[in-house]
Amino acid sequence: MMRIRLIIFSGYYVPHIGGLETHVDEFVKYLSNDKNYDIYIFAPNIPKYKEFEIRHDNVKVYRYPAFEIISNYPVPNIFNIKFWKMFFNLYKIDFDIVMTRTRFFSNTFLGFLFAKFRWNRKNLIHVEHGSAFIKVENEFTNKLAYFYDKIIGNIIFKKSDCVIAISKAVKNFIVENFIEDNNIPIVYRGLEIEHIESIKENNNIKEKFKNKLRLCFVGRLYKWKGVENIIKAYRELPKNIKEKTVLIIVGYGEDLERLKKLSGDYLDNGIYFTGKKDFKDAIGIVKASDIYIHSSYKGGGLSSSLLQAMCCGKAIVASPYEGGDEVIIDGNTGILLKDNSPEQIKNGIIKLIKNKELIEIYGKNAKKFIKDNFNWQSSVEEYKKIFEKLLKSKI
């Protein structure tokens, strides 16, 4: 088999924390087991880390100077000569495939330009992670993002040689808003199940709230995650239930202070914000909890935190968005809500608490579902078939 050189332009990359970052990192880790692939990653250096490193023995990572003009939107520092040197050095490598991930990052547009605007155009594969137009607290940001989507996002979808969706919700979003192509492949991510299983539960959380039923959310604290609806639902729980529970919110983001304000005297109200946690600590807290709440609005493709909570064997109360309706089978792997309203979330929590035997049953079923359906080896094989088909079509 011929050697294939693949470069990925990722919006963020580890050590930045998030679902996209772990998705890309785990994908290249398993793809790198095939020594016929030479893998490169070009990503913004946020937070500041090594400018160059080799990960997983065969993945070359280049992190260029960048900054955020608005929260969660990195752009190259075009005033830094180092960025231009790093970027133009990529032209010395004869890549077979350029891969971009998530349409709204500037690095995706940079990857598009790198693939298409050159004398020897490269095969461009775009992997989309979003299932709705951007929705954050700032309305101006939302409008700017929508305008960007309709121009740049539209070009990326229509001019890519192949578009891959990471979930059914993502595919539906693409088909309804950008390209009418029902043949867009859906490739679900895998999970590092053994690694998640090896992490121990957080004994400090368990001891701190040992007489409480522990509700948990993990993720970036942005508007479209719907965390304010969890807080509103929790505050509306009947007194006799609320007194026996605690709500643990793990994460950080632009909504943190607003959510704390919404929670009032949150420590007295049974709400506990942990702040920013790395992957291992976040999983440890999930394992020390009893019920995981997935509260997203439409937006993301498939929540990594939701899948990880299922892998931990937790009972789930989930909105149908950000992949909820693709992995939560109501009455089997959890409770699937009609929407992410506070009333729906409250009713889901009450149902589990009043039928505590379901917490263990749903948790076991959720864990089995993940083991059966989210395997990185299978996922990577699907990607490789797409790569090979694309390259053969261009011969």
Protein backbone atom coordinates (compact mmCIF):
# COMPACT_ATOMS: atom_id res chain seq x y z
CA MET A 1 0.00 0.00 0.00
CA MET A 2 1.22 3.52 -0.76
CA ARG A 3 2.18 5.84 2.06
CA ILE A 4 -0.41 8.52 2.74
CA ARG A 5 0.53 11.93 4.10
CA LEU A 6 -2.33 13.50 6.04
CA ILE A 7 -2.42 16.97 7.59
CA ILE A 8 -5.19 18.05 9.93
CA PHE A 9 -6.06 21.72 10.46
CA SER A 10 -7.80 21.56 13.83
CA GLY A 11 -9.58 24.54 15.43
CA TYR A 12 -7.92 23.67 18.74
CA TYR A 13 -5.72 20.81 19.82
CA VAL A 14 -4.52 19.39 23.12
CA PRO A 15 -3.61 20.58 25.71
CA HIS A 16 -6.64 22.78 25.05
CA ILE A 17 -9.60 21.07 26.72
CA GLY A 18 -12.72 20.11 24.79
CA GLY A 19 -14.54 17.45 22.81
CA LEU A 20 -13.05 18.44 19.44
CA GLU A 21 -9.54 18.28 20.88
CA THR A 22 -9.95 14.79 22.38
CA HIS A 23 -11.73 13.61 19.22
CA VAL A 24 -8.82 14.66 17.01
CA ASP A 25 -6.13 13.45 19.40
CA GLU A 26 -7.67 10.02 19.89
CA PHE A 27 -8.35 9.71 16.16
CA VAL A 28 -4.71 10.32 15.22
CA LYS A 29 -3.53 8.07 18.04
CA TYR A 30 -5.36 5.08 16.57
CA LEU A 31 -4.73 6.01 12.94
CA SER A 32 -1.00 6.25 13.69
CA ASN A 33 -0.98 2.51 14.46
CA ASP A 34 -1.08 2.09 10.68
CA LYS A 35 2.50 2.87 9.67
CA ASN A 36 1.37 3.61 6.10
CA TYR A 37 0.16 6.99 7.36
CA ASP A 38 2.35 10.03 8.02
CA ILE A 39 0.23 12.36 10.14
CA TYR A 40 0.67 16.08 10.77
CA ILE A 41 -1.40 18.53 12.82
CA PHE A 42 -1.39 22.31 12.38
CA ALA A 43 -3.20 24.15 15.17
CA PRO A 44 -3.16 27.39 17.20
CA ASN A 45 -0.84 27.43 20.19
CA ILE A 46 -3.59 28.08 22.78
CA PRO A 47 -2.92 27.61 25.65
CA LYS A 48 0.78 28.25 25.07
CA TYR A 49 2.57 24.93 24.79
CA LYS A 50 5.29 23.26 22.72
CA GLU A 51 5.54 24.69 19.23
CA PHE A 52 6.52 21.27 17.92
CA GLU A 53 6.17 17.79 19.32
CA ILE A 54 5.75 14.20 18.18
CA ARG A 55 2.76 12.45 19.74
CA HIS A 56 1.83 8.80 19.59
CA ASP A 57 5.21 8.01 17.94
CA ASN A 58 4.09 9.11 14.47
CA VAL A 59 2.07 12.35 14.74
CA LYS A 60 3.95 15.60 14.10
CA VAL A 61 2.25 18.55 15.79
CA TYR A 62 2.93 22.18 14.83
CA ARG A 63 1.37 24.87 17.03
CA TYR A 64 1.48 28.35 15.54
CA PRO A 65 1.27 31.76 17.31
CA ALA A 66 -2.39 32.73 17.77
CA PHE A 67 -4.79 34.68 19.94
CA GLU A 68 -8.55 34.83 20.55
CA ILE A 69 -10.39 37.88 19.22
CA ILE A 70 -13.54 36.56 20.90
CA SER A 71 -13.90 33.71 23.37
CA ASN A 72 -13.44 30.28 21.79
CA TYR A 73 -12.39 31.67 18.41
CA PRO A 74 -8.61 31.55 17.81
CA VAL A 75 -6.98 33.34 14.89
CA PRO A 76 -3.39 33.20 13.61
CA ASN A 77 -1.10 35.98 14.74
CA ILE A 78 -0.37 37.27 11.26
CA PHE A 79 1.94 39.94 12.72
CA ASN A 80 4.30 37.24 14.00
CA ILE A 81 6.85 36.12 11.40
CA LYS A 82 6.99 32.71 13.08
CA PHE A 83 3.44 31.97 11.97
CA TRP A 84 4.30 32.63 8.32
CA LYS A 85 7.48 30.54 8.49
CA MET A 86 5.57 27.60 9.98
CA PHE A 87 2.75 27.92 7.46
CA PHE A 88 4.92 28.19 4.35
CA ASN A 89 7.13 25.31 5.54
CA LEU A 90 4.07 23.08 5.07
CA TYR A 91 4.35 23.63 1.32
CA LYS A 92 7.61 21.67 1.35
CA ILE A 93 5.66 18.50 2.21
CA ASP A 94 3.70 16.72 -0.52
CA PHE A 95 0.48 15.94 1.36
CA ASP A 96 -2.06 13.54 -0.10
CA ILE A 97 -4.99 14.67 2.05
CA VAL A 98 -5.80 17.89 3.89
CA MET A 99 -8.41 17.49 6.63
CA THR A 100 -10.28 20.34 8.30
CA ARG A 101 -12.58 20.08 11.32
CA THR A 102 -15.59 22.25 12.16
CA ARG A 103 -16.45 24.96 9.68
CA PHE A 104 -16.41 28.08 11.87
CA PHE A 105 -12.78 28.05 13.02
CA SER A 106 -10.34 30.31 11.17
CA ASN A 107 -7.92 27.39 11.01
CA THR A 108 -10.49 25.50 8.93
CA PHE A 109 -10.51 28.31 6.37
CA LEU A 110 -6.71 28.33 6.48
CA GLY A 111 -6.71 24.60 5.70
CA PHE A 112 -9.16 25.18 2.86
CA LEU A 113 -6.87 27.82 1.34
CA PHE A 114 -3.84 25.56 1.79
CA ALA A 115 -5.56 22.71 -0.06
CA LYS A 116 -7.26 24.59 -2.87
CA PHE A 117 -5.28 27.71 -3.74
CA ARG A 118 -2.05 26.25 -5.12
CA TRP A 119 -0.88 24.91 -8.46
CA ASN A 120 -1.08 21.28 -7.29
CA ARG A 121 -4.40 21.21 -5.44
CA LYS A 122 -4.78 18.73 -2.61
CA ASN A 123 -7.64 16.45 -1.66
CA LEU A 124 -9.70 18.22 0.99
CA ILE A 125 -11.80 16.30 3.51
CA HIS A 126 -13.92 18.38 5.85
CA VAL A 127 -15.19 16.76 9.06
CA GLU A 128 -18.10 18.68 10.56
CA HIS A 129 -18.82 18.62 14.31
CA GLY A 130 -21.64 21.21 14.51
CA SER A 131 -25.38 20.66 14.17
CA ALA A 132 -26.70 24.23 14.32
CA PHE A 133 -25.67 27.83 13.82
CA ILE A 134 -23.62 29.24 16.69
CA LYS A 135 -25.59 30.34 19.73
CA VAL A 136 -23.82 32.11 22.60
CA GLU A 137 -24.87 34.78 25.09
CA ASN A 138 -23.68 37.67 22.91
CA GLU A 139 -26.19 38.39 20.11
CA PHE A 140 -23.64 40.31 18.04
CA THR A 141 -21.36 37.26 18.08
CA ASN A 142 -24.27 35.09 16.96
CA LYS A 143 -25.04 37.36 14.00
CA LEU A 144 -21.38 37.61 13.01
CA ALA A 145 -21.04 33.82 13.16
CA TYR A 146 -24.17 33.36 11.04
CA PHE A 147 -22.82 35.76 8.42
CA TYR A 148 -19.49 33.90 8.43
CA ASP A 149 -21.30 30.57 8.07
CA LYS A 150 -23.34 31.69 5.10
CA ILE A 151 -20.24 32.83 3.23
CA ILE A 152 -17.14 30.93 4.38
CA GLY A 153 -18.91 27.87 5.80
CA ASN A 154 -20.92 27.49 2.63
CA ILE A 155 -17.77 27.60 0.50
CA ILE A 156 -16.03 24.99 2.66
CA PHE A 157 -18.93 22.54 2.40
CA LYS A 158 -19.42 22.98 -1.35
CA LYS A 159 -15.76 22.97 -2.38
CA SER A 160 -14.48 20.12 -0.21
CA ASP A 161 -13.78 16.85 -2.02
CA CYS A 162 -15.53 14.96 0.75
CA VAL A 163 -17.63 16.03 3.76
CA ILE A 164 -17.98 13.75 6.78
CA ALA A 165 -20.51 14.23 9.60
CA ILE A 166 -19.79 12.99 13.12
CA SER A 167 -23.49 12.34 13.88
CA LYS A 168 -26.93 12.16 12.27
CA ALA A 169 -27.77 15.60 13.67
CA VAL A 170 -24.72 17.07 11.95
CA LYS A 171 -25.60 15.45 8.63
CA ASN A 172 -29.17 16.79 8.82
CA PHE A 173 -27.85 20.29 9.54
CA ILE A 174 -25.49 20.19 6.56
CA VAL A 175 -28.14 18.88 4.16
CA GLU A 176 -30.78 21.37 5.31
CA ASN A 177 -28.53 24.45 5.21
CA PHE A 178 -25.59 23.92 2.87
CA ILE A 179 -25.46 20.97 0.46
CA GLU A 180 -28.28 18.63 -0.51
CA ASP A 181 -26.33 15.40 -0.43
CA ASN A 182 -27.84 12.41 1.36
CA ASN A 183 -24.67 10.42 0.69
CA ILE A 184 -22.64 12.33 3.28
CA PRO A 185 -21.03 9.59 5.41
CA ILE A 186 -21.57 9.58 9.17
CA VAL A 187 -18.58 8.34 11.16
CA TYR A 188 -19.05 8.20 14.92
CA ARG A 189 -16.08 8.76 17.15
CA GLY A 190 -14.62 6.09 19.38
CA LEU A 191 -13.85 6.31 23.08
CA GLU A 192 -10.77 5.22 24.99
CA ILE A 193 -12.86 2.89 27.10
CA GLU A 194 -10.00 1.16 28.92
CA HIS A 195 -8.50 4.51 29.91
CA ILE A 196 -11.83 5.78 31.24
CA GLU A 197 -12.35 2.56 33.17
CA SER A 198 -8.89 2.87 34.76
CA ILE A 199 -9.68 6.27 36.32
CA LYS A 200 -10.78 6.10 39.94
CA GLU A 201 -13.76 7.98 41.31
CA ASN A 202 -13.07 11.22 43.14
CA ASN A 203 -13.15 10.34 46.83
CA ASN A 204 -13.11 13.99 47.90
CA ILE A 205 -16.40 14.65 46.08
CA LYS A 206 -17.89 11.43 47.38
CA GLU A 207 -16.90 12.24 50.96
CA LYS A 208 -17.88 15.91 50.74
CA PHE A 209 -21.41 14.99 49.62
CA LYS A 210 -21.64 11.51 51.17
CA ASN A 211 -25.21 11.98 52.37
CA LYS A 212 -26.43 13.46 49.09
CA LEU A 213 -27.56 12.12 45.74
CA ARG A 214 -25.08 13.68 43.33
CA LEU A 215 -26.25 15.24 40.05
CA CYS A 216 -23.50 16.20 37.60
CA PHE A 217 -22.78 18.17 34.43
CA VAL A 218 -19.39 18.38 32.66
CA GLY A 219 -18.54 20.71 29.80
CA ARG A 220 -17.66 24.17 28.62
CA LEU A 221 -19.91 26.76 30.18
CA TYR A 222 -21.35 28.37 27.06
CA LYS A 223 -24.93 29.37 26.29
CA TRP A 224 -25.69 26.47 23.95
CA LYS A 225 -24.81 23.89 26.62
CA GLY A 226 -28.03 24.85 28.41
CA VAL A 227 -26.55 24.73 31.91
CA GLU A 228 -28.82 27.55 33.08
CA ASN A 229 -31.73 25.18 32.48
CA ILE A 230 -30.19 22.59 34.81
CA ILE A 231 -29.82 25.25 37.49
CA LYS A 232 -33.42 26.42 37.06
CA ALA A 233 -34.65 22.82 37.13
CA TYR A 234 -32.64 22.07 40.27
CA ARG A 235 -33.95 25.13 42.07
CA GLU A 236 -37.52 24.07 41.27
CA LEU A 237 -37.16 20.56 42.68
CA PRO A 238 -39.53 19.74 45.54
CA LYS A 239 -37.98 20.65 48.89
CA ASN A 240 -37.87 17.07 50.16
CA ILE A 241 -35.88 16.00 47.06
CA LYS A 242 -33.65 19.04 46.82
CA GLU A 243 -32.51 18.63 50.44
CA LYS A 244 -31.15 15.19 49.57
CA THR A 245 -29.28 16.18 46.41
CA VAL A 246 -26.38 18.31 45.22
CA LEU A 247 -25.75 19.68 41.73
CA ILE A 248 -22.09 19.52 40.67
CA ILE A 249 -21.10 21.64 37.66
CA VAL A 250 -17.67 20.85 36.21
CA GLY A 251 -16.13 23.22 33.67
CA TYR A 252 -15.37 26.79 32.74
CA GLY A 253 -16.24 29.28 30.00
CA GLU A 254 -17.75 32.65 29.27
CA ASP A 255 -20.99 31.76 31.10
CA LEU A 256 -19.39 30.85 34.43
CA GLU A 257 -20.04 34.12 36.25
CA ARG A 258 -23.54 34.45 34.81
CA LEU A 259 -24.37 30.93 35.95
CA LYS A 260 -23.02 31.60 39.43
CA LYS A 261 -25.14 34.73 39.62
CA LEU A 262 -28.19 32.77 38.46
CA SER A 263 -27.49 30.24 41.21
CA GLY A 264 -27.63 32.95 43.90
CA ASP A 265 -25.89 31.80 47.07
CA TYR A 266 -25.06 28.66 45.17
CA LEU A 267 -23.21 26.85 47.97
CA ASP A 268 -26.21 27.32 50.26
CA ASN A 269 -28.54 26.35 47.42
CA GLY A 270 -26.90 22.97 46.89
CA ILE A 271 -24.95 23.93 43.74
CA TYR A 272 -21.22 23.29 43.57
CA PHE A 273 -18.99 24.74 40.82
CA THR A 274 -15.66 22.93 40.53
CA GLY A 275 -14.16 25.24 37.88
CA LYS A 276 -11.74 24.01 35.22
CA LYS A 277 -10.70 20.36 35.51
CA ASP A 278 -8.51 18.19 33.31
CA PHE A 279 -9.87 15.01 31.73
CA LYS A 280 -8.86 12.65 34.52
CA ASP A 281 -10.29 14.84 37.28
CA ALA A 282 -13.54 15.41 35.37
CA ILE A 283 -14.04 11.67 34.84
CA GLY A 284 -13.28 11.04 38.51
CA ILE A 285 -16.05 13.47 39.49
CA VAL A 286 -18.51 11.87 37.05
CA LYS A 287 -17.73 8.47 38.56
CA ALA A 288 -18.42 9.86 42.05
CA SER A 289 -21.83 11.11 40.89
CA ASP A 290 -25.14 9.26 40.56
CA ILE A 291 -26.96 11.03 37.70
CA TYR A 292 -25.51 12.85 34.69
CA ILE A 293 -27.50 15.64 33.06
CA HIS A 294 -27.09 16.50 29.37
CA SER A 295 -28.85 19.81 28.77
CA SER A 296 -27.62 21.07 25.38
CA TYR A 297 -29.48 23.20 22.88
CA LYS A 298 -29.00 22.38 19.19
CA GLY A 299 -25.42 23.06 18.25
CA GLY A 300 -22.77 20.42 18.82
CA GLY A 301 -22.59 17.22 16.84
CA LEU A 302 -22.21 14.59 19.54
CA SER A 303 -21.25 15.46 23.10
CA SER A 304 -18.04 13.77 24.22
CA SER A 305 -18.96 14.42 27.85
CA LEU A 306 -22.28 12.61 27.38
CA LEU A 307 -20.56 9.57 25.85
CA GLN A 308 -17.95 9.55 28.62
CA ALA A 309 -20.64 9.69 31.33
CA MET A 310 -22.38 6.73 29.67
CA CYS A 311 -19.04 4.90 29.56
CA CYS A 312 -18.76 5.53 33.33
CA GLY A 313 -22.06 3.70 33.78
CA LYS A 314 -24.09 6.71 34.86
CA ALA A 315 -27.85 7.12 34.55
CA ILE A 316 -28.51 9.92 32.07
CA VAL A 317 -31.18 12.62 31.86
CA ALA A 318 -30.73 14.05 28.37
CA SER A 319 -32.07 16.66 26.01
CA PRO A 320 -32.45 15.32 22.45
CA TYR A 321 -29.83 17.75 21.13
CA GLU A 322 -26.07 17.47 20.55
CA GLY A 323 -26.48 13.76 19.88
CA GLY A 324 -28.75 12.98 22.84
CA ASP A 325 -31.42 11.34 20.70
CA GLU A 326 -28.78 9.22 18.93
CA VAL A 327 -27.41 7.51 22.03
CA ILE A 328 -30.08 7.77 24.72
CA ILE A 329 -32.80 5.17 24.23
CA ASP A 330 -35.61 6.33 26.50
CA GLY A 331 -36.28 3.79 29.22
CA ASN A 332 -33.15 1.84 28.35
CA THR A 333 -29.91 3.85 28.38
CA GLY A 334 -31.47 6.79 30.21
CA ILE A 335 -34.29 9.30 30.10
CA LEU A 336 -34.63 11.14 26.79
CA LEU A 337 -36.44 14.45 27.18
CA LYS A 338 -38.66 16.19 24.61
CA ASP A 339 -36.47 19.31 24.84
CA ASN A 340 -33.99 20.92 27.20
CA SER A 341 -36.45 23.10 29.12
CA PRO A 342 -36.10 23.39 32.92
CA GLU A 343 -39.48 21.69 33.35
CA GLN A 344 -38.41 18.67 31.30
CA ILE A 345 -35.07 18.38 33.11
CA LYS A 346 -36.78 18.67 36.49
CA ASN A 347 -39.27 15.92 35.63
CA GLY A 348 -36.46 13.65 34.43
CA ILE A 349 -34.51 14.10 37.66
CA ILE A 350 -37.61 13.46 39.79
CA LYS A 351 -38.44 10.30 37.85
CA LEU A 352 -35.01 8.81 38.55
CA ILE A 353 -34.95 9.83 42.19
CA LYS A 354 -38.41 8.35 42.80
CA ASN A 355 -37.37 5.13 41.02
CA LYS A 356 -33.81 4.70 42.26
CA GLU A 357 -33.54 1.16 40.91
CA LEU A 358 -33.51 2.72 37.43
CA ILE A 359 -30.28 4.57 38.20
CA GLU A 360 -28.29 1.34 38.25
CA ILE A 361 -30.24 -0.29 35.37
CA TYR A 362 -29.86 2.69 33.03
CA GLY A 363 -26.19 3.06 33.97
CA LYS A 364 -25.38 -0.55 33.08
CA ASN A 365 -27.27 -0.32 29.81
CA ALA A 366 -25.54 2.95 28.89
CA LYS A 367 -22.11 1.46 29.48
CA LYS A 368 -22.90 -1.58 27.32
CA PHE A 369 -24.23 0.67 24.55
CA ILE A 370 -20.95 2.59 24.45
CA LYS A 371 -18.84 -0.57 24.37
CA ASP A 372 -20.92 -1.95 21.53
CA ASN A 373 -21.03 1.18 19.38
CA PHE A 374 -18.11 3.54 20.04
CA ASN A 375 -14.90 1.75 19.19
CA TRP A 376 -11.93 3.68 17.78
CA GLN A 377 -10.62 0.76 15.74
CA SER A 378 -13.92 0.54 13.84
CA SER A 379 -14.14 4.31 13.47
CA VAL A 380 -10.62 4.61 12.06
CA GLU A 381 -11.30 1.82 9.56
CA GLU A 382 -14.27 3.82 8.25
CA TYR A 383 -12.06 6.88 7.79
CA LYS A 384 -9.40 4.83 6.00
CA LYS A 385 -11.97 3.47 3.53
CA ILE A 386 -13.02 7.05 2.74
CA PHE A 387 -9.39 8.14 2.29
CA GLU A 388 -8.60 5.26 -0.03
CA LYS A 389 -11.76 5.73 -2.09
CA LEU A 390 -11.01 9.44 -2.53
CA LEU A 391 -7.41 8.84 -3.57
CA LYS A 392 -8.38 6.11 -6.05
CA SER A 393 -10.97 8.41 -7.64
CA LYS A 394 -8.25 10.97 -8.34
CA ILE A 395 -5.87 8.56 -10.08
